[in-house]
């Protein structure tokens, strides 16, 4: 018997919130941080990406955001580190 999927609406909402927060704070989004906040493994994320267009879209958005962030750094010559504490309210994440 197969395991139940971890794919659900809450997962998509949290991923969207993470990406919007990174964009608004000019922070670099990563798959590693996203999966930690979602409570899934990287392999699970990539498996879901192959099975669901919405997860593939999230992956594309992360790649695009990373490109935009690096362009921003190049233009401003500045850098910012993702601060997980700023995400704790949204994701109930404890360091």
C-alpha atoms as a PDB file:
ATOM      1  CA  UNK A   1       0.000   0.000   0.000  1.00  0.00           C
ATOM      2  CA  UNK A   2       1.359   3.418  -0.980  1.00  0.00           C
ATOM      3  CA  UNK A   3       1.972   6.168   1.525  1.00  0.00           C
ATOM      4  CA  UNK A   4      -0.503   9.051   1.577  1.00  0.00           C
ATOM      5  CA  UNK A   5       0.640  12.117  -0.345  1.00  0.00           C
ATOM      6  CA  UNK A   6       1.962  15.154   1.479  1.00  0.00           C
ATOM      7  CA  UNK A   7       0.559  17.377  -1.265  1.00  0.00           C
ATOM      8  CA  UNK A   8      -2.256  19.611  -0.032  1.00  0.00           C
ATOM      9  CA  UNK A   9      -3.584  23.164  -0.176  1.00  0.00           C
ATOM     10  CA  UNK A  10      -1.834  24.171   3.051  1.00  0.00           C
ATOM     11  CA  UNK A  11       1.523  23.195   1.536  1.00  0.00           C
ATOM     12  CA  UNK A  12       0.866  25.437  -1.466  1.00  0.00           C
ATOM     13  CA  UNK A  13      -0.263  28.358   0.682  1.00  0.00           C
ATOM     14  CA  UNK A  14       2.846  28.160   2.871  1.00  0.00           C
ATOM     15  CA  UNK A  15       5.116  27.930  -0.172  1.00  0.00           C
ATOM     16  CA  UNK A  16       3.434  30.976  -1.697  1.00  0.00           C
ATOM     17  CA  UNK A  17       3.754  32.927   1.569  1.00  0.00           C
ATOM     18  CA  UNK A  18       7.453  32.029   1.801  1.00  0.00           C
ATOM     19  CA  UNK A  19       8.116  33.264  -1.726  1.00  0.00           C
ATOM     20  CA  UNK A  20       6.175  36.493  -1.192  1.00  0.00           C
ATOM     21  CA  UNK A  21       7.989  37.151   2.076  1.00  0.00           C
ATOM     22  CA  UNK A  22      11.408  36.588   0.497  1.00  0.00           C
ATOM     23  CA  UNK A  23      10.487  38.926  -2.333  1.00  0.00           C
ATOM     24  CA  UNK A  24       9.185  41.672  -0.048  1.00  0.00           C
ATOM     25  CA  UNK A  25      12.255  41.484   2.204  1.00  0.00           C
ATOM     26  CA  UNK A  26      14.704  41.067  -0.689  1.00  0.00           C
ATOM     27  CA  UNK A  27      15.865  37.722   0.701  1.00  0.00           C
ATOM     28  CA  UNK A  28      17.248  34.773  -1.250  1.00  0.00           C
ATOM     29  CA  UNK A  29      14.720  31.909  -1.379  1.00  0.00           C
ATOM     30  CA  UNK A  30      16.002  28.338  -1.361  1.00  0.00           C
ATOM     31  CA  UNK A  31      14.493  24.904  -1.798  1.00  0.00           C
ATOM     32  CA  UNK A  32      16.345  23.847   1.350  1.00  0.00           C
ATOM     33  CA  UNK A  33      14.656  26.517   3.485  1.00  0.00           C
ATOM     34  CA  UNK A  34      11.275  25.936   1.848  1.00  0.00           C
ATOM     35  CA  UNK A  35      11.223  22.190   2.514  1.00  0.00           C
ATOM     36  CA  UNK A  36      12.322  22.753   6.100  1.00  0.00           C
ATOM     37  CA  UNK A  37       9.452  25.184   6.630  1.00  0.00           C
ATOM     38  CA  UNK A  38       7.007  22.828   4.918  1.00  0.00           C
ATOM     39  CA  UNK A  39       8.161  19.859   6.972  1.00  0.00           C
ATOM     40  CA  UNK A  40       8.986  17.702   3.963  1.00  0.00           C
ATOM     41  CA  UNK A  41      12.220  16.347   2.532  1.00  0.00           C
ATOM     42  CA  UNK A  42      13.938  17.581  -0.598  1.00  0.00           C
ATOM     43  CA  UNK A  43      13.263  14.288  -2.366  1.00  0.00           C
ATOM     44  CA  UNK A  44       9.572  14.622  -1.504  1.00  0.00           C
ATOM     45  CA  UNK A  45       9.560  18.163  -2.904  1.00  0.00           C
ATOM     46  CA  UNK A  46      11.112  17.028  -6.190  1.00  0.00           C
ATOM     47  CA  UNK A  47       8.730  14.043  -6.396  1.00  0.00           C
ATOM     48  CA  UNK A  48       5.762  16.379  -5.879  1.00  0.00           C
ATOM     49  CA  UNK A  49       7.201  18.732  -8.495  1.00  0.00           C
ATOM     50  CA  UNK A  50       7.111  15.917 -11.051  1.00  0.00           C
ATOM     51  CA  UNK A  51       3.533  14.927 -10.175  1.00  0.00           C
ATOM     52  CA  UNK A  52       1.854  18.319  -9.732  1.00  0.00           C
ATOM     53  CA  UNK A  53       2.050  21.348 -12.015  1.00  0.00           C
ATOM     54  CA  UNK A  54       1.481  23.665  -9.057  1.00  0.00           C
ATOM     55  CA  UNK A  55       4.612  22.350  -7.334  1.00  0.00           C
ATOM     56  CA  UNK A  56       6.548  22.650 -10.586  1.00  0.00           C
ATOM     57  CA  UNK A  57       5.364  26.265 -10.707  1.00  0.00           C
ATOM     58  CA  UNK A  58       6.657  26.854  -7.168  1.00  0.00           C
ATOM     59  CA  UNK A  59      10.043  25.461  -8.217  1.00  0.00           C
ATOM     60  CA  UNK A  60      10.080  27.783 -11.223  1.00  0.00           C
ATOM     61  CA  UNK A  61       9.135  30.741  -9.016  1.00  0.00           C
ATOM     62  CA  UNK A  62      12.026  29.944  -6.656  1.00  0.00           C
ATOM     63  CA  UNK A  63      14.484  29.745  -9.560  1.00  0.00           C
ATOM     64  CA  UNK A  64      13.152  33.021 -10.982  1.00  0.00           C
ATOM     65  CA  UNK A  65      13.305  34.693  -7.558  1.00  0.00           C
ATOM     66  CA  UNK A  66      16.903  33.532  -7.127  1.00  0.00           C
ATOM     67  CA  UNK A  67      17.808  35.026 -10.497  1.00  0.00           C
ATOM     68  CA  UNK A  68      16.051  38.290  -9.613  1.00  0.00           C
ATOM     69  CA  UNK A  69      17.755  38.393  -6.225  1.00  0.00           C
ATOM     70  CA  UNK A  70      21.204  37.898  -7.737  1.00  0.00           C
ATOM     71  CA  UNK A  71      20.463  40.659 -10.261  1.00  0.00           C
ATOM     72  CA  UNK A  72      19.383  42.895  -7.380  1.00  0.00           C
ATOM     73  CA  UNK A  73      22.632  42.163  -5.523  1.00  0.00           C
ATOM     74  CA  UNK A  74      24.627  42.931  -8.616  1.00  0.00           C
ATOM     75  CA  UNK A  75      22.841  46.264  -9.049  1.00  0.00           C
ATOM     76  CA  UNK A  76      23.024  47.357  -5.414  1.00  0.00           C
ATOM     77  CA  UNK A  77      26.234  45.601  -4.377  1.00  0.00           C
ATOM     78  CA  UNK A  78      24.496  44.514  -1.180  1.00  0.00           C
ATOM     79  CA  UNK A  79      23.636  41.204   0.424  1.00  0.00           C
ATOM     80  CA  UNK A  80      20.980  39.911   2.799  1.00  0.00           C
ATOM     81  CA  UNK A  81      20.769  36.615   4.624  1.00  0.00           C
ATOM     82  CA  UNK A  82      17.468  34.790   5.035  1.00  0.00           C
ATOM     83  CA  UNK A  83      16.462  35.190   8.652  1.00  0.00           C
ATOM     84  CA  UNK A  84      14.339  32.205   9.668  1.00  0.00           C
ATOM     85  CA  UNK A  85      13.099  34.065  12.725  1.00  0.00           C
ATOM     86  CA  UNK A  86      11.176  36.417  10.424  1.00  0.00           C
ATOM     87  CA  UNK A  87       9.258  33.402   9.128  1.00  0.00           C
ATOM     88  CA  UNK A  88       8.339  31.897  12.490  1.00  0.00           C
ATOM     89  CA  UNK A  89       4.940  33.591  12.735  1.00  0.00           C
ATOM     90  CA  UNK A  90       3.803  32.248   9.385  1.00  0.00           C
ATOM     91  CA  UNK A  91       5.155  28.732   9.675  1.00  0.00           C
ATOM     92  CA  UNK A  92       5.261  28.126  13.428  1.00  0.00           C
ATOM     93  CA  UNK A  93       8.952  27.391  12.958  1.00  0.00           C
ATOM     94  CA  UNK A  94      11.155  27.252  16.032  1.00  0.00           C
ATOM     95  CA  UNK A  95      14.947  27.513  15.730  1.00  0.00           C
END
